[in-house]
C-alpha atoms as a PDB file:
ATOM      1  CA  MET A   1     209.819  48.136 -63.519  1.00  0.00           C
ATOM      2  CA  ARG A   2     207.149  45.558 -64.523  1.00  0.00           C
ATOM      3  CA  ARG A   3     208.712  45.690 -68.045  1.00  0.00           C
ATOM      4  CA  ALA A   4     211.852  44.576 -66.382  1.00  0.00           C
ATOM      5  CA  GLY A   5     210.223  42.234 -63.680  1.00  0.00           C
ATOM      6  CA  GLN A   6     208.842  40.120 -66.924  1.00  0.00           C
ATOM      7  CA  VAL A   7     212.112  40.069 -68.575  1.00  0.00           C
ATOM      8  CA  VAL A   8     213.809  38.741 -65.562  1.00  0.00           C
ATOM      9  CA  ARG A   9     211.004  36.071 -65.129  1.00  0.00           C
ATOM     10  CA  GLU A  10     211.020  35.457 -68.768  1.00  0.00           C
ATOM     11  CA  VAL A  11     214.804  34.472 -68.907  1.00  0.00           C
ATOM     12  CA  LEU A  12     214.447  32.699 -65.285  1.00  0.00           C
ATOM     13  CA  GLU A  13     211.920  30.338 -66.861  1.00  0.00           C
ATOM     14  CA  LEU A  14     214.264  29.750 -69.849  1.00  0.00           C
ATOM     15  CA  VAL A  15     217.336  28.785 -67.622  1.00  0.00           C
ATOM     16  CA  ARG A  16     214.808  26.565 -65.439  1.00  0.00           C
ATOM     17  CA  SER A  17     214.156  24.574 -68.490  1.00  0.00           C
ATOM     18  CA  ARG A  18     217.754  24.429 -69.108  1.00  0.00           C
ATOM     19  CA  VAL A  19     218.831  22.552 -66.024  1.00  0.00           C
ATOM     20  CA  GLN A  20     219.162  18.940 -65.711  1.00  0.00           C
ATOM     21  CA  PRO A  21     221.948  16.239 -65.032  1.00  0.00           C
ATOM     22  CA  GLY A  22     225.171  16.666 -67.123  1.00  0.00           C
ATOM     23  CA  ALA A  23     224.511  20.567 -67.721  1.00  0.00           C
ATOM     24  CA  THR A  24     226.974  22.948 -66.148  1.00  0.00           C
ATOM     25  CA  THR A  25     226.497  26.553 -64.489  1.00  0.00           C
ATOM     26  CA  PHE A  26     228.144  28.102 -67.218  1.00  0.00           C
ATOM     27  CA  ASP A  27     225.670  26.208 -70.056  1.00  0.00           C
ATOM     28  CA  LEU A  28     222.728  28.236 -67.628  1.00  0.00           C
ATOM     29  CA  GLU A  29     224.847  31.471 -67.898  1.00  0.00           C
ATOM     30  CA  LYS A  30     225.053  31.346 -72.233  1.00  0.00           C
ATOM     31  CA  THR A  31     221.749  30.604 -71.976  1.00  0.00           C
ATOM     32  CA  ALA A  32     220.920  33.851 -70.513  1.00  0.00           C
ATOM     33  CA  GLN A  33     223.132  36.010 -71.985  1.00  0.00           C
ATOM     34  CA  GLU A  34     222.029  34.435 -75.303  1.00  0.00           C
ATOM     35  CA  ARG A  35     218.242  35.735 -74.609  1.00  0.00           C
ATOM     36  CA  LEU A  36     219.506  39.213 -73.538  1.00  0.00           C
ATOM     37  CA  ASP A  37     221.280  39.804 -76.502  1.00  0.00           C
ATOM     38  CA  GLN A  38     218.340  39.039 -78.830  1.00  0.00           C
ATOM     39  CA  LEU A  39     216.218  41.387 -76.349  1.00  0.00           C
ATOM     40  CA  SER A  40     218.828  43.793 -76.144  1.00  0.00           C
ATOM     41  CA  VAL A  41     218.364  44.081 -72.491  1.00  0.00           C
ATOM     42  CA  LYS A  42     221.701  44.961 -69.962  1.00  0.00           C
ATOM     43  CA  ALA A  43     222.191  42.289 -67.122  1.00  0.00           C
ATOM     44  CA  ALA A  44     222.092  44.228 -63.479  1.00  0.00           C
ATOM     45  CA  PHE A  45     224.769  41.659 -62.208  1.00  0.00           C
ATOM     46  CA  LYS A  46     227.755  41.498 -65.111  1.00  0.00           C
ATOM     47  CA  GLY A  47     230.668  44.298 -63.948  1.00  0.00           C
ATOM     48  CA  TYR A  48     228.316  45.397 -60.374  1.00  0.00           C
ATOM     49  CA  HIS A  49     231.139  45.584 -58.407  1.00  0.00           C
ATOM     50  CA  GLY A  50     233.295  43.266 -60.536  1.00  0.00           C
ATOM     51  CA  PHE A  51     231.335  40.483 -60.792  1.00  0.00           C
ATOM     52  CA  PRO A  52     232.139  38.582 -63.909  1.00  0.00           C
ATOM     53  CA  CYS A  53     228.421  36.659 -65.352  1.00  0.00           C
ATOM     54  CA  VAL A  54     224.754  38.218 -65.880  1.00  0.00           C
ATOM     55  CA  LEU A  55     223.398  35.146 -63.653  1.00  0.00           C
ATOM     56  CA  CYS A  56     224.684  33.859 -59.680  1.00  0.00           C
ATOM     57  CA  THR A  57     224.652  30.090 -59.660  1.00  0.00           C
ATOM     58  CA  SER A  58     224.644  28.274 -56.649  1.00  0.00           C
ATOM     59  CA  VAL A  59     224.808  24.786 -56.130  1.00  0.00           C
ATOM     60  CA  ASN A  60     223.623  22.591 -52.147  1.00  0.00           C
ATOM     61  CA  SER A  61     225.027  24.772 -49.913  1.00  0.00           C
ATOM     62  CA  GLU A  62     226.405  27.715 -51.615  1.00  0.00           C
ATOM     63  CA  VAL A  63     223.692  30.445 -50.636  1.00  0.00           C
ATOM     64  CA  VAL A  64     224.332  33.174 -52.959  1.00  0.00           C
ATOM     65  CA  HIS A  65     226.607  34.924 -55.492  1.00  0.00           C
ATOM     66  CA  GLY A  66     228.049  31.915 -56.624  1.00  0.00           C
ATOM     67  CA  ILE A  67     229.716  32.510 -60.251  1.00  0.00           C
ATOM     68  CA  PRO A  68     229.100  30.402 -63.193  1.00  0.00           C
ATOM     69  CA  SER A  69     231.618  28.212 -64.392  1.00  0.00           C
ATOM     70  CA  PRO A  70     232.005  25.446 -67.139  1.00  0.00           C
ATOM     71  CA  LYS A  71     233.510  23.056 -64.724  1.00  0.00           C
ATOM     72  CA  ARG A  72     230.470  23.258 -62.298  1.00  0.00           C
ATOM     73  CA  VAL A  73     228.515  20.151 -63.921  1.00  0.00           C
ATOM     74  CA  LEU A  74     225.249  19.893 -62.173  1.00  0.00           C
ATOM     75  CA  LYS A  75     224.484  16.189 -60.802  1.00  0.00           C
ATOM     76  CA  GLU A  76     220.828  13.892 -59.949  1.00  0.00           C
ATOM     77  CA  GLY A  77     220.077  15.659 -56.855  1.00  0.00           C
ATOM     78  CA  ASP A  78     221.859  18.875 -56.855  1.00  0.00           C
ATOM     79  CA  ILE A  79     219.504  21.819 -56.616  1.00  0.00           C
ATOM     80  CA  VAL A  80     220.810  25.465 -57.703  1.00  0.00           C
ATOM     81  CA  SER A  81     219.680  28.947 -57.275  1.00  0.00           C
ATOM     82  CA  VAL A  82     219.898  30.923 -60.170  1.00  0.00           C
ATOM     83  CA  ASP A  83     219.268  34.934 -59.102  1.00  0.00           C
ATOM     84  CA  PHE A  84     219.256  37.348 -61.816  1.00  0.00           C
ATOM     85  CA  GLY A  85     218.466  41.064 -62.739  1.00  0.00           C
ATOM     86  CA  VAL A  86     218.319  43.374 -65.581  1.00  0.00           C
ATOM     87  CA  VAL A  87     217.644  47.013 -66.168  1.00  0.00           C
ATOM     88  CA  VAL A  88     214.982  48.105 -68.446  1.00  0.00           C
ATOM     89  CA  ASP A  89     214.760  51.625 -69.531  1.00  0.00           C
ATOM     90  CA  GLY A  90     216.622  52.714 -66.522  1.00  0.00           C
ATOM     91  CA  TYR A  91     214.803  50.581 -63.697  1.00  0.00           C
ATOM     92  CA  TYR A  92     215.699  47.380 -62.128  1.00  0.00           C
ATOM     93  CA  GLY A  93     214.075  44.377 -61.781  1.00  0.00           C
ATOM     94  CA  ASP A  94     215.419  41.054 -59.733  1.00  0.00           C
ATOM     95  CA  ALA A  95     214.455  37.604 -58.741  1.00  0.00           C
ATOM     96  CA  ALA A  96     215.713  33.971 -57.933  1.00  0.00           C
ATOM     97  CA  ILE A  97     214.396  30.791 -57.902  1.00  0.00           C
ATOM     98  CA  THR A  98     216.156  27.625 -56.443  1.00  0.00           C
ATOM     99  CA  VAL A  99     215.558  24.531 -59.048  1.00  0.00           C
ATOM    100  CA  PRO A 100     215.668  20.651 -58.707  1.00  0.00           C
ATOM    101  CA  VAL A 101     218.081  18.623 -60.853  1.00  0.00           C
ATOM    102  CA  GLY A 102     216.557  15.862 -61.802  1.00  0.00           C
ATOM    103  CA  LYS A 103     214.885  14.335 -58.840  1.00  0.00           C
ATOM    104  CA  VAL A 104     215.850  15.146 -55.340  1.00  0.00           C
ATOM    105  CA  ASN A 105     215.396  13.791 -52.011  1.00  0.00           C
ATOM    106  CA  ALA A 106     212.257  14.789 -49.428  1.00  0.00           C
ATOM    107  CA  ASP A 107     214.878  16.906 -47.449  1.00  0.00           C
ATOM    108  CA  ALA A 108     215.892  19.197 -50.453  1.00  0.00           C
ATOM    109  CA  GLU A 109     212.098  18.916 -51.987  1.00  0.00           C
ATOM    110  CA  ARG A 110     210.766  20.101 -48.199  1.00  0.00           C
ATOM    111  CA  LEU A 111     213.633  23.072 -47.923  1.00  0.00           C
ATOM    112  CA  LEU A 112     212.729  24.290 -51.731  1.00  0.00           C
ATOM    113  CA  LYS A 113     208.852  23.934 -50.450  1.00  0.00           C
ATOM    114  CA  VAL A 114     209.569  25.985 -47.241  1.00  0.00           C
ATOM    115  CA  THR A 115     211.653  28.583 -48.926  1.00  0.00           C
ATOM    116  CA  GLU A 116     209.283  29.474 -51.348  1.00  0.00           C
ATOM    117  CA  ALA A 117     206.301  29.499 -48.810  1.00  0.00           C
ATOM    118  CA  SER A 118     208.330  32.281 -47.069  1.00  0.00           C
ATOM    119  CA  LEU A 119     209.012  34.051 -49.684  1.00  0.00           C
ATOM    120  CA  HIS A 120     205.087  34.518 -50.379  1.00  0.00           C
ATOM    121  CA  ALA A 121     204.364  35.168 -46.764  1.00  0.00           C
ATOM    122  CA  GLY A 122     206.774  38.473 -46.651  1.00  0.00           C
ATOM    123  CA  ILE A 123     204.706  38.993 -49.744  1.00  0.00           C
ATOM    124  CA  ALA A 124     201.908  38.904 -48.049  1.00  0.00           C
ATOM    125  CA  ALA A 125     202.286  41.179 -45.688  1.00  0.00           C
ATOM    126  CA  VAL A 126     202.945  44.055 -47.888  1.00  0.00           C
ATOM    127  CA  ARG A 127     200.510  46.609 -47.998  1.00  0.00           C
ATOM    128  CA  PRO A 128     200.412  50.227 -46.380  1.00  0.00           C
ATOM    129  CA  GLY A 129     201.152  50.754 -43.296  1.00  0.00           C
ATOM    130  CA  ALA A 130     202.807  47.373 -42.626  1.00  0.00           C
ATOM    131  CA  THR A 131     206.430  47.336 -41.556  1.00  0.00           C
ATOM    132  CA  LEU A 132     209.771  46.085 -42.731  1.00  0.00           C
ATOM    133  CA  GLY A 133     209.413  43.944 -39.782  1.00  0.00           C
ATOM    134  CA  ASP A 134     206.045  42.275 -40.439  1.00  0.00           C
ATOM    135  CA  VAL A 135     207.655  41.247 -43.315  1.00  0.00           C
ATOM    136  CA  GLY A 136     210.574  39.806 -42.084  1.00  0.00           C
ATOM    137  CA  ALA A 137     208.885  37.975 -39.192  1.00  0.00           C
ATOM    138  CA  ALA A 138     206.731  36.516 -41.759  1.00  0.00           C
ATOM    139  CA  VAL A 139     209.298  34.919 -43.388  1.00  0.00           C
ATOM    140  CA  GLN A 140     211.060  34.102 -40.701  1.00  0.00           C
ATOM    141  CA  GLY A 141     207.889  32.453 -38.745  1.00  0.00           C
ATOM    142  CA  VAL A 142     207.427  29.927 -42.192  1.00  0.00           C
ATOM    143  CA  VAL A 143     211.121  29.015 -42.000  1.00  0.00           C
ATOM    144  CA  GLU A 144     211.922  28.338 -38.190  1.00  0.00           C
ATOM    145  CA  ARG A 145     208.307  26.450 -37.728  1.00  0.00           C
ATOM    146  CA  GLU A 146     209.687  23.570 -39.961  1.00  0.00           C
ATOM    147  CA  GLY A 147     213.351  23.141 -38.229  1.00  0.00           C
ATOM    148  CA  PHE A 148     215.084  25.722 -41.076  1.00  0.00           C
ATOM    149  CA  SER A 149     216.912  29.117 -40.416  1.00  0.00           C
ATOM    150  CA  VAL A 150     217.128  32.238 -41.970  1.00  0.00           C
ATOM    151  CA  VAL A 151     220.637  33.335 -43.342  1.00  0.00           C
ATOM    152  CA  ARG A 152     221.162  36.904 -41.573  1.00  0.00           C
ATOM    153  CA  ASP A 153     224.435  38.123 -43.121  1.00  0.00           C
ATOM    154  CA  PHE A 154     222.800  38.713 -46.809  1.00  0.00           C
ATOM    155  CA  VAL A 155     218.901  40.873 -46.878  1.00  0.00           C
ATOM    156  CA  GLY A 156     216.750  42.061 -49.460  1.00  0.00           C
ATOM    157  CA  HIS A 157     216.681  45.526 -50.652  1.00  0.00           C
ATOM    158  CA  GLY A 158     214.884  48.388 -51.898  1.00  0.00           C
ATOM    159  CA  ILE A 159     214.920  48.091 -55.976  1.00  0.00           C
ATOM    160  CA  GLY A 160     214.290  50.783 -58.248  1.00  0.00           C
ATOM    161  CA  SER A 161     216.690  53.367 -60.747  1.00  0.00           C
ATOM    162  CA  GLN A 162     219.551  51.440 -58.977  1.00  0.00           C
ATOM    163  CA  MET A 163     219.654  47.546 -58.090  1.00  0.00           C
ATOM    164  CA  HIS A 164     220.187  48.163 -54.411  1.00  0.00           C
ATOM    165  CA  GLU A 165     218.659  51.121 -52.829  1.00  0.00           C
ATOM    166  CA  GLU A 166     217.486  51.711 -49.228  1.00  0.00           C
ATOM    167  CA  PRO A 167     215.776  50.170 -47.094  1.00  0.00           C
ATOM    168  CA  GLN A 168     217.242  46.753 -46.356  1.00  0.00           C
ATOM    169  CA  VAL A 169     214.363  44.383 -46.177  1.00  0.00           C
ATOM    170  CA  PRO A 170     215.598  41.150 -43.668  1.00  0.00           C
ATOM    171  CA  ASN A 171     214.014  38.037 -43.697  1.00  0.00           C
ATOM    172  CA  PHE A 172     214.053  37.972 -39.719  1.00  0.00           C
ATOM    173  CA  GLY A 173     212.412  40.778 -37.607  1.00  0.00           C
ATOM    174  CA  GLN A 174     209.984  41.516 -35.328  1.00  0.00           C
ATOM    175  CA  ALA A 175     205.976  42.348 -36.674  1.00  0.00           C
ATOM    176  CA  GLY A 176     205.778  46.175 -36.222  1.00  0.00           C
ATOM    177  CA  ARG A 177     209.007  47.356 -36.005  1.00  0.00           C
ATOM    178  CA  GLY A 178     211.106  49.157 -38.840  1.00  0.00           C
ATOM    179  CA  MET A 179     210.231  51.271 -41.479  1.00  0.00           C
ATOM    180  CA  LYS A 180     206.565  51.815 -42.797  1.00  0.00           C
ATOM    181  CA  LEU A 181     205.578  50.802 -46.151  1.00  0.00           C
ATOM    182  CA  ARG A 182     204.139  53.158 -48.490  1.00  0.00           C
ATOM    183  CA  PRO A 183     202.194  53.301 -51.956  1.00  0.00           C
ATOM    184  CA  GLY A 184     205.132  53.646 -54.154  1.00  0.00           C
ATOM    185  CA  MET A 185     207.675  51.950 -53.012  1.00  0.00           C
ATOM    186  CA  VAL A 186     209.223  48.594 -54.208  1.00  0.00           C
ATOM    187  CA  ILE A 187     211.558  46.238 -52.620  1.00  0.00           C
ATOM    188  CA  ALA A 188     213.539  42.480 -53.533  1.00  0.00           C
ATOM    189  CA  ILE A 189     212.181  40.212 -51.012  1.00  0.00           C
ATOM    190  CA  GLU A 190     214.550  37.408 -51.123  1.00  0.00           C
ATOM    191  CA  PRO A 191     214.908  34.675 -48.379  1.00  0.00           C
ATOM    192  CA  MET A 192     217.910  32.476 -48.420  1.00  0.00           C
ATOM    193  CA  VAL A 193     217.617  29.603 -46.025  1.00  0.00           C
ATOM    194  CA  ASN A 194     219.610  26.697 -44.656  1.00  0.00           C
ATOM    195  CA  ALA A 195     218.673  23.441 -44.037  1.00  0.00           C
ATOM    196  CA  GLY A 196     221.237  23.528 -40.976  1.00  0.00           C
ATOM    197  CA  LYS A 197     222.522  26.492 -39.271  1.00  0.00           C
ATOM    198  CA  PRO A 198     222.338  30.175 -40.418  1.00  0.00           C
ATOM    199  CA  GLU A 199     225.911  30.897 -40.532  1.00  0.00           C
ATOM    200  CA  VAL A 200     227.600  31.558 -43.709  1.00  0.00           C
ATOM    201  CA  VAL A 201     231.283  31.861 -44.982  1.00  0.00           C
ATOM    202  CA  VAL A 202     232.330  33.405 -48.197  1.00  0.00           C
ATOM    203  CA  LEU A 203     234.897  31.459 -50.248  1.00  0.00           C
ATOM    204  CA  ASP A 204     238.239  32.444 -51.760  1.00  0.00           C
ATOM    205  CA  ASP A 205     236.925  33.701 -54.982  1.00  0.00           C
ATOM    206  CA  GLY A 206     235.806  36.972 -53.104  1.00  0.00           C
ATOM    207  CA  TRP A 207     231.839  36.355 -53.964  1.00  0.00           C
ATOM    208  CA  THR A 208     230.760  32.888 -53.187  1.00  0.00           C
ATOM    209  CA  ALA A 209     228.919  32.543 -49.443  1.00  0.00           C
ATOM    210  CA  VAL A 210     228.373  29.011 -48.447  1.00  0.00           C
ATOM    211  CA  ALA A 211     226.428  27.435 -45.260  1.00  0.00           C
ATOM    212  CA  LYS A 212     229.572  27.051 -42.713  1.00  0.00           C
ATOM    213  CA  ASP A 213     228.070  23.745 -41.603  1.00  0.00           C
ATOM    214  CA  GLY A 214     227.333  22.791 -45.411  1.00  0.00           C
ATOM    215  CA  SER A 215     223.862  22.055 -45.110  1.00  0.00           C
ATOM    216  CA  MET A 216     221.763  22.872 -48.370  1.00  0.00           C
ATOM    217  CA  SER A 217     220.945  26.367 -48.884  1.00  0.00           C
ATOM    218  CA  ALA A 218     217.704  27.482 -51.055  1.00  0.00           C
ATOM    219  CA  HIS A 219     217.102  31.097 -52.134  1.00  0.00           C
ATOM    220  CA  PHE A 220     213.906  32.997 -53.378  1.00  0.00           C
ATOM    221  CA  GLU A 221     212.893  36.570 -54.575  1.00  0.00           C
ATOM    222  CA  HIS A 222     210.367  38.563 -56.133  1.00  0.00           C
ATOM    223  CA  THR A 223     210.662  42.292 -56.667  1.00  0.00           C
ATOM    224  CA  VAL A 224     207.414  43.611 -55.274  1.00  0.00           C
ATOM    225  CA  ALA A 225     205.704  46.921 -55.447  1.00  0.00           C
ATOM    226  CA  VAL A 226     203.684  48.425 -52.260  1.00  0.00           C
ATOM    227  CA  THR A 227     200.472  49.828 -53.552  1.00  0.00           C
ATOM    228  CA  ALA A 228     197.618  51.433 -52.226  1.00  0.00           C
ATOM    229  CA  THR A 229     195.473  48.406 -51.731  1.00  0.00           C
ATOM    230  CA  GLY A 230     198.700  45.995 -50.940  1.00  0.00           C
ATOM    231  CA  SER A 231     201.011  44.794 -53.400  1.00  0.00           C
ATOM    232  CA  ARG A 232     202.126  43.414 -56.633  1.00  0.00           C
ATOM    233  CA  ILE A 233     204.552  41.091 -58.083  1.00  0.00           C
ATOM    234  CA  LEU A 234     206.351  42.527 -60.836  1.00  0.00           C
ATOM    235  CA  THR A 235     208.369  39.488 -61.674  1.00  0.00           C
ATOM    236  CA  GLU A 236     205.708  36.564 -61.755  1.00  0.00           C
END
């Protein structure tokens, strides 16, 4: 899974380098697909329940599962979430980043900073004997202290020989509640954070989820293994 995680990270960093005003989300898709072809690695998302692309690209108020399009041109001040996964030797890796397009305003900058910080707070809570509630509460605490809201319609997940496995990993919860973590488990922790309210709606394409109030949304994700001594991020 570490090998899969390293491919995910390499491709995400390559895509990050191509995010600029005037690029389309399909330009990002082509960048990712070309690198996968060079590596002879299979994307996790393309064909998954009929999803058409290797990347999910979600811009501004889009929360998750945005479909790359040659018509979607990135503009200065936008933010774009890029979610990406692969399967290597039968095991999956999955991660997401949200990238500013050129110079963004202070509110967008703070949203990105807080969302990424909430991911790392969740990861810091991972250790044998901790609970999923500990992880969710850690994420939620960081987000809500800053006046943002955690999306509740979508959650993180177990990951291994399947893309999505049990357990579900909410980005909210009560410390001490829920399944206990034990060495050998691997989970994808992925806060989706709205600047406004947490409610989302899915667009007519059947995939793209957007903040119902039109507020900006950010998404960061790592695949994290529970080890005997704590945790190991497989996608850093």
